[in-house]
Protein backbone atom coordinates (compact mmCIF):
# COMPACT_ATOMS: atom_id res chain seq x y z
CA MET A 1 -70.02 -95.19 12.37
CA GLN A 2 -66.35 -97.13 11.77
CA THR A 3 -64.94 -99.93 13.38
CA ASP A 4 -62.02 -102.51 13.31
CA ARG A 5 -63.97 -105.27 14.66
CA VAL A 6 -62.85 -108.73 12.85
CA ILE A 7 -65.39 -111.08 12.91
CA ALA A 8 -64.67 -114.95 12.69
CA GLU A 9 -61.08 -113.86 11.93
CA ARG A 10 -62.27 -113.30 8.56
CA TYR A 11 -64.75 -110.43 8.21
CA ARG A 12 -63.40 -106.80 9.08
CA LEU A 13 -66.56 -104.33 10.00
CA LEU A 14 -65.43 -101.34 7.67
CA ALA A 15 -68.73 -98.94 7.84
CA GLU A 16 -72.60 -99.37 9.07
CA LEU A 17 -74.98 -99.42 6.11
CA GLY A 18 -78.23 -99.64 8.09
CA ARG A 19 -80.16 -101.03 10.70
CA GLY A 20 -83.87 -102.65 11.69
CA GLY A 21 -85.24 -104.23 14.07
CA MET A 22 -83.49 -107.79 13.37
CA GLY A 23 -80.30 -106.47 13.18
CA ILE A 24 -77.40 -104.20 11.61
CA VAL A 25 -76.07 -104.47 8.36
CA TRP A 26 -72.10 -103.47 7.97
CA ARG A 27 -70.01 -102.86 4.74
CA ALA A 28 -66.71 -105.40 5.18
CA GLU A 29 -63.57 -106.38 4.07
CA ASP A 30 -62.87 -110.47 3.79
CA ILE A 31 -59.40 -110.80 4.74
CA VAL A 32 -58.68 -113.89 3.14
CA LEU A 33 -60.01 -113.21 -0.20
CA GLY A 34 -59.49 -109.56 -0.30
CA ARG A 35 -62.80 -108.03 -1.51
CA GLN A 36 -65.83 -106.28 0.05
CA VAL A 37 -68.62 -107.84 1.54
CA ALA A 38 -71.80 -107.15 3.35
CA VAL A 39 -72.52 -108.82 7.31
CA LYS A 40 -75.43 -108.97 8.79
CA GLU A 41 -75.54 -108.66 12.66
CA VAL A 42 -78.44 -110.46 14.21
CA LEU A 43 -79.22 -108.46 17.67
CA SER A 44 -81.70 -110.52 19.17
CA PRO A 45 -80.37 -113.38 21.10
CA SER A 46 -83.40 -115.71 20.81
CA ASP A 47 -83.52 -119.11 18.95
CA ASP A 48 -86.20 -117.69 16.54
CA ALA A 49 -83.92 -114.99 15.70
CA ALA A 50 -81.31 -117.43 14.95
CA ARG A 51 -83.31 -119.64 13.16
CA ARG A 52 -84.75 -116.67 10.83
CA ALA A 53 -80.66 -115.59 10.03
CA LEU A 54 -80.14 -119.24 9.01
CA ARG A 55 -83.29 -119.61 7.25
CA GLU A 56 -82.27 -116.34 5.34
CA ALA A 57 -79.00 -117.73 4.27
CA ARG A 58 -80.40 -121.10 3.56
CA SER A 59 -83.11 -119.63 1.24
CA ALA A 60 -80.72 -117.24 -0.88
CA ALA A 61 -78.09 -119.96 -0.94
CA ARG A 62 -80.53 -121.85 -2.83
CA LEU A 63 -80.59 -119.34 -5.32
CA SER A 64 -78.25 -118.27 -8.53
CA HIS A 65 -80.02 -114.94 -10.09
CA PRO A 66 -78.49 -111.53 -11.05
CA SER A 67 -81.51 -109.88 -8.73
CA VAL A 68 -81.02 -112.13 -5.56
CA VAL A 69 -78.47 -110.99 -3.46
CA LYS A 70 -76.02 -113.77 -2.71
CA VAL A 71 -75.04 -115.39 0.39
CA TYR A 72 -71.42 -116.32 0.93
CA ASP A 73 -71.39 -117.55 4.62
CA VAL A 74 -72.94 -117.95 8.05
CA VAL A 75 -70.52 -117.67 10.88
CA GLU A 76 -70.93 -117.42 14.89
CA GLU A 77 -69.33 -114.90 17.00
CA GLY A 78 -70.61 -113.39 20.65
CA GLY A 79 -72.93 -116.10 20.47
CA ARG A 80 -74.92 -114.45 17.31
CA PRO A 81 -75.12 -115.69 13.85
CA TRP A 82 -73.65 -113.19 11.20
CA VAL A 83 -74.91 -113.60 7.72
CA VAL A 84 -72.19 -112.87 4.85
CA MET A 85 -73.52 -111.82 1.74
CA GLU A 86 -72.79 -110.30 -1.47
CA TYR A 87 -72.08 -106.04 -1.51
CA VAL A 88 -74.25 -104.34 -3.61
CA GLU A 89 -73.33 -100.59 -3.41
CA ALA A 90 -77.02 -99.14 -3.93
CA ARG A 91 -80.07 -97.13 -2.32
CA SER A 92 -83.00 -99.25 -1.52
CA LEU A 93 -86.02 -98.37 -3.66
CA HIS A 94 -87.88 -96.88 -0.49
CA GLU A 95 -84.52 -94.19 -0.35
CA VAL A 96 -84.74 -93.76 -4.12
CA ILE A 97 -88.45 -92.82 -3.95
CA ASN A 98 -87.92 -90.50 -1.18
CA GLN A 99 -85.00 -88.96 -2.56
CA ASP A 100 -85.45 -88.42 -5.69
CA GLY A 101 -89.31 -88.92 -6.08
CA PRO A 102 -91.58 -91.39 -7.76
CA LEU A 103 -90.31 -93.46 -10.65
CA PRO A 104 -91.65 -92.84 -14.39
CA PRO A 105 -93.54 -95.85 -15.75
CA ASP A 106 -90.57 -96.95 -18.06
CA ARG A 107 -88.26 -97.02 -15.19
CA ALA A 108 -90.59 -99.04 -12.80
CA ALA A 109 -91.12 -101.44 -15.16
CA ARG A 110 -87.53 -102.31 -15.89
CA VAL A 111 -87.12 -102.66 -12.39
CA GLY A 112 -90.60 -104.73 -11.81
CA ARG A 113 -88.97 -107.21 -14.76
CA GLN A 114 -86.25 -107.83 -12.52
CA LEU A 115 -88.08 -108.44 -9.50
CA LEU A 116 -90.54 -110.58 -11.20
CA SER A 117 -87.87 -112.81 -12.38
CA ALA A 118 -85.99 -113.00 -9.36
CA LEU A 119 -89.54 -113.80 -7.63
CA GLY A 120 -89.85 -116.79 -10.49
CA ALA A 121 -86.21 -118.15 -9.78
CA ALA A 122 -87.41 -118.33 -6.03
CA HIS A 123 -90.63 -119.71 -6.40
CA SER A 124 -89.47 -122.34 -9.19
CA VAL A 125 -87.55 -124.05 -6.10
CA GLY A 126 -90.02 -123.47 -3.74
CA ILE A 127 -88.99 -120.53 -2.38
CA LEU A 128 -91.88 -117.60 -0.94
CA HIS A 129 -89.84 -114.38 -0.30
CA ARG A 130 -93.20 -113.13 2.22
CA ASP A 131 -91.81 -109.55 2.58
CA VAL A 132 -91.39 -107.93 -0.75
CA LYS A 133 -91.37 -103.84 -0.43
CA PRO A 134 -89.47 -100.99 -1.20
CA GLY A 135 -86.93 -101.45 1.74
CA ASN A 136 -85.96 -104.66 0.40
CA VAL A 137 -85.19 -103.76 -3.02
CA LEU A 138 -81.76 -102.15 -3.92
CA LEU A 139 -81.08 -100.21 -6.92
CA ALA A 140 -77.61 -100.37 -8.29
CA LYS A 141 -75.47 -98.86 -10.84
CA GLY A 142 -77.67 -98.84 -14.36
CA ASP A 143 -80.94 -99.80 -12.42
CA ARG A 144 -79.69 -103.18 -11.56
CA ALA A 145 -82.86 -104.42 -8.99
CA VAL A 146 -81.67 -106.75 -6.36
CA LEU A 147 -83.95 -108.60 -3.86
CA THR A 148 -82.88 -108.63 -0.47
CA ASP A 149 -83.81 -109.80 3.14
CA PHE A 150 -85.23 -113.49 3.10
CA GLY A 151 -85.14 -113.27 6.63
CA ILE A 152 -89.01 -114.39 6.58
CA ALA A 153 -88.87 -116.42 3.57
CA SER A 154 -90.92 -119.93 3.40
CA ILE A 155 -89.28 -122.65 1.97
CA GLU A 156 -91.07 -125.47 0.81
CA GLY A 157 -90.85 -128.54 3.27
CA ASP A 158 -89.23 -126.35 5.99
CA VAL A 159 -91.38 -126.14 9.24
CA THR A 160 -88.60 -125.34 11.46
CA LEU A 161 -89.67 -121.66 11.91
CA THR A 162 -93.72 -121.59 12.94
CA GLN A 163 -96.35 -118.66 13.21
CA ALA A 164 -97.31 -118.42 16.45
CA GLY A 165 -100.26 -116.30 15.65
CA GLY A 166 -98.17 -113.63 14.25
CA LEU A 167 -98.47 -112.32 10.66
CA LEU A 168 -94.62 -112.00 9.16
CA GLY A 169 -94.33 -108.95 6.66
CA SER A 170 -95.28 -105.27 6.61
CA PRO A 171 -99.07 -104.46 6.83
CA ALA A 172 -99.04 -102.28 3.62
CA TYR A 173 -97.67 -105.02 1.56
CA ILE A 174 -99.42 -108.27 2.75
CA ALA A 175 -101.55 -109.80 0.30
CA PRO A 176 -105.73 -110.15 1.39
CA GLU A 177 -105.56 -113.89 1.88
CA ARG A 178 -102.63 -113.76 4.56
CA PHE A 179 -104.42 -111.20 6.18
CA LEU A 180 -107.57 -113.85 6.55
CA GLY A 181 -105.39 -116.22 7.56
CA GLU A 182 -104.53 -118.44 4.63
CA ARG A 183 -101.07 -119.51 4.39
CA ALA A 184 -98.94 -117.37 1.60
CA LEU A 185 -98.60 -118.73 -1.72
CA PRO A 186 -96.57 -117.27 -4.99
CA ALA A 187 -99.68 -115.25 -5.75
CA SER A 188 -98.98 -113.33 -2.21
CA ASP A 189 -95.62 -112.52 -3.34
CA LEU A 190 -97.11 -110.98 -6.69
CA TRP A 191 -99.46 -108.85 -4.68
CA ALA A 192 -96.49 -107.55 -2.97
CA LEU A 193 -94.40 -106.72 -5.91
CA GLY A 194 -97.82 -105.23 -7.43
CA ALA A 195 -98.02 -102.88 -3.96
CA THR A 196 -94.28 -102.09 -4.52
CA LEU A 197 -94.64 -100.75 -8.26
CA TYR A 198 -97.56 -98.76 -7.15
CA ALA A 199 -95.42 -97.27 -3.98
CA ALA A 200 -92.57 -96.63 -6.71
CA THR A 201 -94.87 -94.55 -9.23
CA SER A 202 -97.03 -92.88 -6.62
CA GLY A 203 -94.36 -92.25 -3.68
CA ARG A 204 -96.49 -94.47 -1.26
CA PRO A 205 -98.19 -97.78 -0.93
CA PRO A 206 -101.56 -98.24 -2.58
CA PHE A 207 -103.33 -98.95 0.62
CA HIS A 208 -101.41 -96.00 2.99
CA ARG A 209 -103.46 -95.34 5.94
CA ASP A 210 -101.82 -94.15 9.33
CA ASP A 211 -103.45 -96.87 11.29
CA PRO A 212 -102.65 -100.78 11.07
CA VAL A 213 -106.25 -101.51 11.54
CA ALA A 214 -107.35 -98.97 8.70
CA VAL A 215 -104.64 -100.62 6.46
CA PHE A 216 -106.32 -104.09 6.75
CA GLY A 217 -109.97 -102.70 6.11
CA ALA A 218 -108.67 -101.05 2.56
CA VAL A 219 -106.52 -104.08 1.77
CA LEU A 220 -109.89 -106.10 2.05
CA ASN A 221 -112.11 -103.71 0.52
CA GLU A 222 -110.89 -101.17 -1.44
CA GLU A 223 -109.33 -100.25 -4.94
CA PRO A 224 -106.39 -97.99 -5.26
CA PRO A 225 -107.07 -95.55 -7.86
CA ILE A 226 -103.97 -95.57 -10.38
CA PRO A 227 -102.08 -92.68 -10.45
CA PRO A 228 -102.81 -90.20 -14.13
CA HIS A 229 -98.85 -90.31 -14.77
CA ALA A 230 -98.79 -94.16 -13.89
CA GLU A 231 -101.62 -95.29 -16.59
CA ALA A 232 -99.20 -97.20 -18.78
CA LEU A 233 -98.92 -99.61 -15.78
CA ARG A 234 -102.51 -99.97 -15.33
CA PRO A 235 -102.65 -103.49 -16.78
CA VAL A 236 -99.86 -104.79 -14.24
CA LEU A 237 -101.36 -102.99 -11.37
CA GLU A 238 -104.55 -103.73 -11.22
CA GLY A 239 -103.60 -107.29 -12.09
CA LEU A 240 -101.43 -107.74 -9.79
CA LEU A 241 -103.81 -106.22 -7.04
CA ARG A 242 -106.43 -108.38 -7.56
CA LYS A 243 -108.20 -109.61 -4.30
CA ASP A 244 -108.51 -113.04 -5.12
CA PRO A 245 -105.18 -114.55 -5.40
CA ARG A 246 -106.62 -117.16 -8.02
CA GLU A 247 -107.58 -113.84 -10.68
CA ARG A 248 -104.00 -112.41 -9.90
CA MET A 249 -101.98 -111.92 -13.25
CA PRO A 250 -99.46 -114.54 -13.98
CA ILE A 251 -96.33 -113.92 -13.59
CA GLY A 252 -95.56 -114.46 -17.05
CA VAL A 253 -98.08 -112.15 -18.17
CA ALA A 254 -96.93 -109.47 -16.01
CA GLU A 255 -93.16 -109.80 -16.94
CA ALA A 256 -94.30 -109.91 -20.82
CA VAL A 257 -96.27 -106.41 -20.51
CA LEU A 258 -93.53 -104.74 -18.20
CA LEU A 259 -91.31 -105.44 -20.93
CA ALA A 260 -93.24 -103.70 -23.65
CA ILE A 261 -94.11 -101.04 -21.29
CA SER A 262 -90.04 -100.24 -20.89
CA GLU A 263 -89.80 -100.46 -24.68
CA ASP A 264 -93.00 -98.55 -25.31
CA ARG A 265 -94.25 -101.81 -26.82
CA LEU A 266 -97.95 -102.96 -25.51
CA PRO A 267 -98.55 -106.23 -26.38
CA ARG A 268 -102.26 -107.55 -26.73
CA LEU A 269 -103.31 -109.11 -23.09
CA PRO A 270 -104.81 -112.80 -23.57
CA PRO A 271 -108.04 -112.99 -22.10
CA VAL A 272 -108.42 -114.79 -18.17
CA ALA A 273 -108.94 -118.13 -18.34
CA PRO A 274 -112.89 -118.78 -17.15
CA PRO A 275 -113.41 -120.95 -14.08
CA GLN A 276 -113.72 -124.81 -15.25
CA VAL A 277 -116.18 -126.80 -13.54
CA THR A 278 -115.16 -130.26 -12.31
CA GLY A 279 -116.59 -132.77 -10.02
CA GLY A 280 -114.73 -131.29 -7.05
CA GLY A 281 -116.18 -127.84 -7.62
CA THR A 282 -115.36 -124.84 -9.90
CA HIS A 283 -111.53 -124.79 -10.79
CA ARG A 284 -109.54 -121.90 -12.42
CA THR A 285 -105.95 -122.18 -13.46
CA THR A 286 -104.15 -119.73 -11.50
CA ALA A 287 -100.53 -117.92 -11.31
CA ALA A 288 -99.85 -120.47 -8.04
CA THR A 289 -100.46 -123.32 -9.76
CA THR A 290 -99.21 -123.11 -13.50
CA GLU A 291 -96.24 -123.50 -15.07
CA LEU A 292 -94.37 -120.02 -15.72
CA PRO A 293 -94.29 -119.21 -19.23
CA VAL A 294 -91.05 -118.18 -20.66
CA VAL A 295 -90.73 -114.80 -21.71
CA PRO A 296 -88.98 -113.98 -24.88
CA GLU A 297 -86.56 -111.08 -24.62
CA THR A 298 -87.50 -109.46 -27.93
CA VAL A 299 -91.18 -108.65 -29.07
CA VAL A 300 -90.96 -108.22 -32.67
CA PRO A 301 -94.06 -106.33 -33.97
CA GLU A 302 -95.68 -107.86 -36.86
CA THR A 303 -94.72 -105.82 -40.03
CA VAL A 304 -95.32 -106.15 -43.73
CA ALA A 305 -91.84 -105.59 -45.51
CA PRO A 306 -91.68 -102.30 -47.32
CA GLU A 307 -90.49 -103.92 -50.63
CA THR A 308 -93.79 -106.15 -50.61
CA VAL A 309 -96.47 -104.40 -52.49
CA LEU A 310 -99.82 -106.66 -52.35
CA PRO A 311 -101.73 -106.49 -55.83
CA GLU A 312 -105.88 -105.58 -55.83
CA ALA A 313 -107.60 -108.68 -56.23
CA VAL A 314 -108.57 -109.07 -59.68
CA PRO A 315 -111.90 -110.40 -59.77
CA GLU A 316 -112.60 -113.62 -62.33
CA ARG A 317 -114.33 -113.08 -65.75
CA GLY A 318 -117.36 -115.11 -64.44
CA THR A 319 -117.89 -113.51 -61.39
CA ASP A 320 -117.88 -110.15 -63.20
CA LEU A 321 -120.51 -111.02 -65.54
CA THR A 322 -122.88 -112.87 -62.57
CA TRP A 323 -122.77 -109.38 -60.99
CA ARG A 324 -123.34 -107.11 -63.96
CA VAL A 325 -126.74 -109.58 -65.03
CA GLY A 326 -127.81 -109.39 -61.61
CA GLY A 327 -127.63 -105.55 -61.85
CA VAL A 328 -129.69 -105.23 -64.42
CA PHE A 329 -132.21 -107.67 -62.83
CA ALA A 330 -132.25 -105.60 -59.77
CA TYR A 331 -132.74 -101.90 -61.89
CA VAL A 332 -135.89 -103.73 -63.59
CA GLY A 333 -137.52 -104.86 -60.39
CA MET A 334 -137.08 -101.55 -59.09
CA ALA A 335 -138.88 -99.89 -62.27
CA LEU A 336 -141.66 -102.01 -62.00
CA LEU A 337 -142.21 -101.93 -58.16
CA LEU A 338 -142.73 -98.18 -59.20
CA LEU A 339 -145.08 -98.34 -61.97
CA GLY A 340 -147.32 -100.89 -59.74
CA SER A 341 -147.22 -98.21 -57.08
CA LEU A 342 -148.34 -95.90 -59.25
CA PHE A 343 -151.21 -97.74 -61.01
CA VAL A 344 -152.27 -98.46 -57.37
CA LEU A 345 -152.43 -94.90 -56.69
CA LEU A 346 -154.32 -93.96 -59.73
CA SER A 347 -157.03 -96.58 -59.43
CA SER A 348 -157.40 -95.41 -56.10
CA ARG A 349 -158.73 -92.35 -57.32
């Protein structure tokens, strides 16, 4: 669908890119700067929809990361907000899975690393995405992964958008603690990313069911089988899909493992920290409360330089003599033991 409509006397709508329950995304031209942009038209006239659009803009605007779509502007036209964003020529991960099939583990690992980095940047400034799923991940040229749609993101210290008994997000990608009515955590985004990587390598989410109620039960009570061809991703999938958010794999560890998988070098995982008993009860260091570790860009395995030849250990002279004397005494002792046994045998006759 093409149109020549101009929004806010600046953005000319060129073609529709996609639509959902909340609005339509257009490819547009910024007349002033002469560049392509993406413009989200918010269809719902409600105040809640307007606040959600502004929340998306504010969330993304606080981030500067190559794997987070940039927000340039928010304008009002026809009594509705329009969010102007970076135009990324790409397909969504959902489209890639449906059209091309599941991703091989190394490609999924490369995509996952970028999304983990994006979530780490968001969490570091107090932003939770709360709707990580294949439909909100764009795959551009060179497998650049971009996280989009911060429309239901939670910003630390901002309480303007309330949840009046509703559960925001896509059921197949909602963490167990949120189903139980607990507040969203950084670890909740990690669960959603684990479910997204599972879908990327298997073709469907880990707790896929036809009935939303069945999805609810599966998320809380079942463990998803790891697809045979995704075996290399098992540590990350199982680590991110732990039911207890306190036991979920920390973001830095997950990033290091995905780096190794994407380069065919799997590092040894550090052990899970045991619970620590304090005066206030049991406490476990978690991904949501610990400082995010920095993952090095390259992993260099320990090797012994080829020109280095380790000489065989040469025993000291005194030590060698001691072993020789000890050996003689051992043989004499065995001979005496045999003679004694023979003497006892003959005497009994």
